[in-house]
Amino acid sequence: MERLDFSEEEDDKGFYLVEIEQDKETGKRQVSFDFHPVTGRRFLTINIGIEPQDTDPTAMVLRAISEQEDKVRDAIVRLNISLPAQCEGQLRDSDIRNAVKEAHYFTVAKDIQRETRSRLGEWTAEEITPLDALKAYLESKKVSLERTKVLLQYAERLIQEQRTRQG
């Protein structure tokens, strides 16, 4: 009896021996059961959190693996590594694979935190006018002042035409 997935990682594996006998005097059934544990292949999850200030992300992962070293052998191991995007390239996959080589099987799941970029500055989409949004976009793309001026004039005309049609 083997575990099927990591949701069973903490479950005891085994079977129940159930005996049902009929009482000769009363005719009622007598039920007894006994759990017999079996040793199944171990599942092991190792969670590792790496922070932006960590100078050697691979060393952090290797340290977490070494703390569980006695449980890794012949287990199915899942490494959950949470790390900032700027640290992803610093992970040495070959060193990590070597550290879990005694496992029956292993997988690495990386949860990469990426910073969200605000393109509107201090405005929200509801607060900004179409012209201000265009101006912010053109500034972010480093469009020349002359070209920005021309594009904003065209945008103003289009907005006025749209208002006139709806009006």
C-alpha atoms as a PDB file:
ATOM      1  CA  MET A   1       0.000   0.000   0.000  1.00  0.00           C
ATOM      2  CA  GLU A   2       1.672   3.145  -1.199  1.00  0.00           C
ATOM      3  CA  ARG A   3       0.744   6.766  -0.775  1.00  0.00           C
ATOM      4  CA  LEU A   4      -0.762   8.244  -3.903  1.00  0.00           C
ATOM      5  CA  ASP A   5       0.023  11.924  -3.492  1.00  0.00           C
ATOM      6  CA  PHE A   6       1.234  14.526  -1.021  1.00  0.00           C
ATOM      7  CA  SER A   7      -2.228  14.917   0.517  1.00  0.00           C
ATOM      8  CA  GLU A   8      -1.513  11.540   2.185  1.00  0.00           C
ATOM      9  CA  GLU A   9       1.911  12.607   3.473  1.00  0.00           C
ATOM     10  CA  GLU A  10       0.888  12.565   7.158  1.00  0.00           C
ATOM     11  CA  ASP A  11      -1.587   9.663   6.964  1.00  0.00           C
ATOM     12  CA  ASP A  12      -0.871   6.322   8.598  1.00  0.00           C
ATOM     13  CA  LYS A  13      -0.876   3.587   5.975  1.00  0.00           C
ATOM     14  CA  GLY A  14      -2.320   0.204   6.740  1.00  0.00           C
ATOM     15  CA  PHE A  15      -5.445  -1.899   6.715  1.00  0.00           C
ATOM     16  CA  TYR A  16      -8.171  -3.025   9.075  1.00  0.00           C
ATOM     17  CA  LEU A  17      -8.853  -6.657   9.829  1.00  0.00           C
ATOM     18  CA  VAL A  18     -12.572  -6.870  10.544  1.00  0.00           C
ATOM     19  CA  GLU A  19     -14.110  -9.973  12.073  1.00  0.00           C
ATOM     20  CA  ILE A  20     -17.870 -10.433  12.107  1.00  0.00           C
ATOM     21  CA  GLU A  21     -19.197 -13.377  14.061  1.00  0.00           C
ATOM     22  CA  GLN A  22     -22.705 -14.261  15.008  1.00  0.00           C
ATOM     23  CA  ASP A  23     -23.361 -14.865  18.715  1.00  0.00           C
ATOM     24  CA  LYS A  24     -24.806 -18.374  19.028  1.00  0.00           C
ATOM     25  CA  GLU A  25     -27.019 -17.504  21.988  1.00  0.00           C
ATOM     26  CA  THR A  26     -28.484 -14.146  20.951  1.00  0.00           C
ATOM     27  CA  GLY A  27     -28.053 -14.306  17.183  1.00  0.00           C
ATOM     28  CA  LYS A  28     -26.548 -10.797  17.195  1.00  0.00           C
ATOM     29  CA  ARG A  29     -23.417 -10.060  15.266  1.00  0.00           C
ATOM     30  CA  GLN A  30     -20.215  -9.492  17.178  1.00  0.00           C
ATOM     31  CA  VAL A  31     -17.872  -7.133  15.324  1.00  0.00           C
ATOM     32  CA  SER A  32     -14.216  -6.582  16.094  1.00  0.00           C
ATOM     33  CA  PHE A  33     -11.622  -4.710  14.100  1.00  0.00           C
ATOM     34  CA  ASP A  34      -7.920  -4.131  14.366  1.00  0.00           C
ATOM     35  CA  PHE A  35      -5.705  -1.682  12.435  1.00  0.00           C
ATOM     36  CA  HIS A  36      -2.497  -3.169  11.038  1.00  0.00           C
ATOM     37  CA  PRO A  37      -0.006  -0.479  10.007  1.00  0.00           C
ATOM     38  CA  VAL A  38       2.234  -1.058   7.006  1.00  0.00           C
ATOM     39  CA  THR A  39       5.296   0.812   5.933  1.00  0.00           C
ATOM     40  CA  GLY A  40       4.676   2.703   2.710  1.00  0.00           C
ATOM     41  CA  ARG A  41       7.044   4.887   0.807  1.00  0.00           C
ATOM     42  CA  ARG A  42       7.560   8.123   2.695  1.00  0.00           C
ATOM     43  CA  PHE A  43       6.434  11.447   1.232  1.00  0.00           C
ATOM     44  CA  LEU A  44       8.389  14.471   2.433  1.00  0.00           C
ATOM     45  CA  THR A  45       7.746  18.150   1.803  1.00  0.00           C
ATOM     46  CA  ILE A  46      10.513  20.635   2.562  1.00  0.00           C
ATOM     47  CA  ASN A  47       9.419  24.290   2.549  1.00  0.00           C
ATOM     48  CA  ILE A  48      12.148  26.870   2.026  1.00  0.00           C
ATOM     49  CA  GLY A  49      11.630  30.637   2.155  1.00  0.00           C
ATOM     50  CA  ILE A  50      14.348  32.788   0.626  1.00  0.00           C
ATOM     51  CA  GLU A  51      14.424  36.524   1.328  1.00  0.00           C
ATOM     52  CA  PRO A  52      15.887  39.263  -0.916  1.00  0.00           C
ATOM     53  CA  GLN A  53      18.714  39.873   1.576  1.00  0.00           C
ATOM     54  CA  ASP A  54      19.845  36.205   1.518  1.00  0.00           C
ATOM     55  CA  THR A  55      23.235  36.259  -0.199  1.00  0.00           C
ATOM     56  CA  ASP A  56      23.388  32.564  -1.161  1.00  0.00           C
ATOM     57  CA  PRO A  57      19.940  31.097  -1.951  1.00  0.00           C
ATOM     58  CA  THR A  58      21.416  27.705  -2.858  1.00  0.00           C
ATOM     59  CA  ALA A  59      23.052  27.432   0.577  1.00  0.00           C
ATOM     60  CA  MET A  60      19.657  28.129   2.195  1.00  0.00           C
ATOM     61  CA  VAL A  61      18.076  25.285   0.199  1.00  0.00           C
ATOM     62  CA  LEU A  62      20.958  22.900   0.938  1.00  0.00           C
ATOM     63  CA  ARG A  63      20.748  23.700   4.663  1.00  0.00           C
ATOM     64  CA  ALA A  64      17.005  22.940   4.706  1.00  0.00           C
ATOM     65  CA  ILE A  65      17.625  19.634   2.897  1.00  0.00           C
ATOM     66  CA  SER A  66      20.454  18.659   5.272  1.00  0.00           C
ATOM     67  CA  GLU A  67      18.167  19.261   8.275  1.00  0.00           C
ATOM     68  CA  GLN A  68      15.880  16.539   6.862  1.00  0.00           C
ATOM     69  CA  GLU A  69      18.683  14.350   5.484  1.00  0.00           C
ATOM     70  CA  ASP A  70      17.684  11.262   7.492  1.00  0.00           C
ATOM     71  CA  LYS A  71      14.163  11.412   6.001  1.00  0.00           C
ATOM     72  CA  VAL A  72      15.203  12.017   2.358  1.00  0.00           C
ATOM     73  CA  ARG A  73      16.616   8.563   1.583  1.00  0.00           C
ATOM     74  CA  ASP A  74      14.138   6.514  -0.513  1.00  0.00           C
ATOM     75  CA  ALA A  75      11.387   9.108   0.015  1.00  0.00           C
ATOM     76  CA  ILE A  76       9.402  11.006  -2.566  1.00  0.00           C
ATOM     77  CA  VAL A  77      10.534  14.559  -1.871  1.00  0.00           C
ATOM     78  CA  ARG A  78       8.884  17.843  -2.781  1.00  0.00           C
ATOM     79  CA  LEU A  79      10.957  21.012  -2.386  1.00  0.00           C
ATOM     80  CA  ASN A  80       8.758  24.120  -2.154  1.00  0.00           C
ATOM     81  CA  ILE A  81      11.043  27.102  -2.680  1.00  0.00           C
ATOM     82  CA  SER A  82       9.592  30.579  -2.241  1.00  0.00           C
ATOM     83  CA  LEU A  83      11.926  33.282  -3.500  1.00  0.00           C
ATOM     84  CA  PRO A  84      12.046  36.785  -4.971  1.00  0.00           C
ATOM     85  CA  ALA A  85      12.532  37.035  -8.735  1.00  0.00           C
ATOM     86  CA  GLN A  86      16.000  38.574  -8.377  1.00  0.00           C
ATOM     87  CA  CYS A  87      17.248  35.446  -6.548  1.00  0.00           C
ATOM     88  CA  GLU A  88      15.969  32.880  -9.064  1.00  0.00           C
ATOM     89  CA  GLY A  89      19.092  32.956 -11.233  1.00  0.00           C
ATOM     90  CA  GLN A  90      21.299  32.379  -8.182  1.00  0.00           C
ATOM     91  CA  LEU A  91      19.900  28.893  -7.476  1.00  0.00           C
ATOM     92  CA  ARG A  92      22.324  26.183  -8.576  1.00  0.00           C
ATOM     93  CA  ASP A  93      20.013  23.374  -9.667  1.00  0.00           C
ATOM     94  CA  SER A  94      22.822  20.828  -9.994  1.00  0.00           C
ATOM     95  CA  ASP A  95      23.820  21.335  -6.327  1.00  0.00           C
ATOM     96  CA  ILE A  96      20.201  20.940  -5.232  1.00  0.00           C
ATOM     97  CA  ARG A  97      19.745  17.776  -7.325  1.00  0.00           C
ATOM     98  CA  ASN A  98      22.921  16.347  -5.831  1.00  0.00           C
ATOM     99  CA  ALA A  99      21.672  17.045  -2.283  1.00  0.00           C
ATOM    100  CA  VAL A 100      18.499  14.980  -2.835  1.00  0.00           C
ATOM    101  CA  LYS A 101      20.054  12.207  -4.929  1.00  0.00           C
ATOM    102  CA  GLU A 102      19.253   9.630  -2.206  1.00  0.00           C
ATOM    103  CA  ALA A 103      15.536  10.286  -2.652  1.00  0.00           C
ATOM    104  CA  HIS A 104      13.460   7.808  -4.638  1.00  0.00           C
ATOM    105  CA  TYR A 105      12.054  10.766  -6.574  1.00  0.00           C
ATOM    106  CA  PHE A 106      12.017  14.518  -6.072  1.00  0.00           C
ATOM    107  CA  THR A 107      10.398  17.578  -7.539  1.00  0.00           C
ATOM    108  CA  VAL A 108      11.117  21.269  -7.110  1.00  0.00           C
ATOM    109  CA  ALA A 109       8.295  23.812  -7.047  1.00  0.00           C
ATOM    110  CA  LYS A 110       9.443  27.429  -7.206  1.00  0.00           C
ATOM    111  CA  ASP A 111       7.071  30.164  -6.057  1.00  0.00           C
ATOM    112  CA  ILE A 112       8.641  33.281  -7.502  1.00  0.00           C
ATOM    113  CA  GLN A 113       7.450  36.593  -6.066  1.00  0.00           C
ATOM    114  CA  ARG A 114       7.472  39.290  -8.662  1.00  0.00           C
ATOM    115  CA  GLU A 115       7.024  42.930  -7.790  1.00  0.00           C
ATOM    116  CA  THR A 116       3.951  44.568  -9.222  1.00  0.00           C
ATOM    117  CA  ARG A 117       4.727  47.682 -11.151  1.00  0.00           C
ATOM    118  CA  SER A 118       2.445  50.652 -10.993  1.00  0.00           C
ATOM    119  CA  ARG A 119       2.400  52.361 -14.343  1.00  0.00           C
ATOM    120  CA  LEU A 120      -0.007  55.082 -13.294  1.00  0.00           C
ATOM    121  CA  GLY A 121       2.139  56.552 -10.555  1.00  0.00           C
ATOM    122  CA  GLU A 122       0.003  57.890  -7.739  1.00  0.00           C
ATOM    123  CA  TRP A 123      -3.267  57.615  -9.693  1.00  0.00           C
ATOM    124  CA  THR A 124      -5.727  54.752  -9.898  1.00  0.00           C
ATOM    125  CA  ALA A 125      -7.434  53.927 -13.180  1.00  0.00           C
ATOM    126  CA  GLU A 126     -10.649  55.569 -11.928  1.00  0.00           C
ATOM    127  CA  GLU A 127      -8.920  58.843 -11.001  1.00  0.00           C
ATOM    128  CA  ILE A 128      -6.866  59.472 -14.127  1.00  0.00           C
ATOM    129  CA  THR A 129      -8.190  61.224 -17.211  1.00  0.00           C
ATOM    130  CA  PRO A 130      -7.499  59.785 -20.656  1.00  0.00           C
ATOM    131  CA  LEU A 131      -5.122  62.674 -21.440  1.00  0.00           C
ATOM    132  CA  ASP A 132      -3.207  62.211 -18.188  1.00  0.00           C
ATOM    133  CA  ALA A 133      -2.980  58.480 -18.869  1.00  0.00           C
ATOM    134  CA  LEU A 134      -1.608  59.126 -22.361  1.00  0.00           C
ATOM    135  CA  LYS A 135       0.866  61.662 -20.985  1.00  0.00           C
ATOM    136  CA  ALA A 136       2.079  59.192 -18.322  1.00  0.00           C
ATOM    137  CA  TYR A 137       2.426  56.472 -20.970  1.00  0.00           C
ATOM    138  CA  LEU A 138       4.406  58.716 -23.324  1.00  0.00           C
ATOM    139  CA  GLU A 139       6.701  59.772 -20.459  1.00  0.00           C
ATOM    140  CA  SER A 140       7.315  56.136 -19.507  1.00  0.00           C
ATOM    141  CA  LYS A 141       8.251  55.387 -23.123  1.00  0.00           C
ATOM    142  CA  LYS A 142      10.538  58.458 -23.184  1.00  0.00           C
ATOM    143  CA  VAL A 143       8.815  60.011 -26.196  1.00  0.00           C
ATOM    144  CA  SER A 144      10.291  63.394 -27.126  1.00  0.00           C
ATOM    145  CA  LEU A 145       8.553  66.532 -25.845  1.00  0.00           C
ATOM    146  CA  GLU A 146       7.696  67.709 -29.366  1.00  0.00           C
ATOM    147  CA  ARG A 147       6.097  64.384 -30.299  1.00  0.00           C
ATOM    148  CA  THR A 148       4.281  64.214 -26.949  1.00  0.00           C
ATOM    149  CA  LYS A 149       2.825  67.680 -27.558  1.00  0.00           C
ATOM    150  CA  VAL A 150       1.543  66.696 -31.016  1.00  0.00           C
ATOM    151  CA  LEU A 151       0.072  63.396 -29.803  1.00  0.00           C
ATOM    152  CA  LEU A 152      -1.678  65.105 -26.883  1.00  0.00           C
ATOM    153  CA  GLN A 153      -3.194  67.673 -29.288  1.00  0.00           C
ATOM    154  CA  TYR A 154      -4.545  64.862 -31.486  1.00  0.00           C
ATOM    155  CA  ALA A 155      -5.875  63.092 -28.418  1.00  0.00           C
ATOM    156  CA  GLU A 156      -7.669  66.252 -27.244  1.00  0.00           C
ATOM    157  CA  ARG A 157      -9.333  66.624 -30.656  1.00  0.00           C
ATOM    158  CA  LEU A 158     -10.458  62.983 -30.650  1.00  0.00           C
ATOM    159  CA  ILE A 159     -11.900  63.316 -27.161  1.00  0.00           C
ATOM    160  CA  GLN A 160     -13.740  66.529 -28.110  1.00  0.00           C
ATOM    161  CA  GLU A 161     -15.156  64.881 -31.255  1.00  0.00           C
ATOM    162  CA  GLN A 162     -16.342  61.921 -29.199  1.00  0.00           C
ATOM    163  CA  ARG A 163     -18.036  64.216 -26.660  1.00  0.00           C
ATOM    164  CA  THR A 164     -19.711  66.202 -29.473  1.00  0.00           C
ATOM    165  CA  ARG A 165     -21.108  63.014 -31.039  1.00  0.00           C
ATOM    166  CA  GLN A 166     -22.433  61.747 -27.716  1.00  0.00           C
ATOM    167  CA  GLY A 167     -23.687  65.164 -26.646  1.00  0.00           C
END
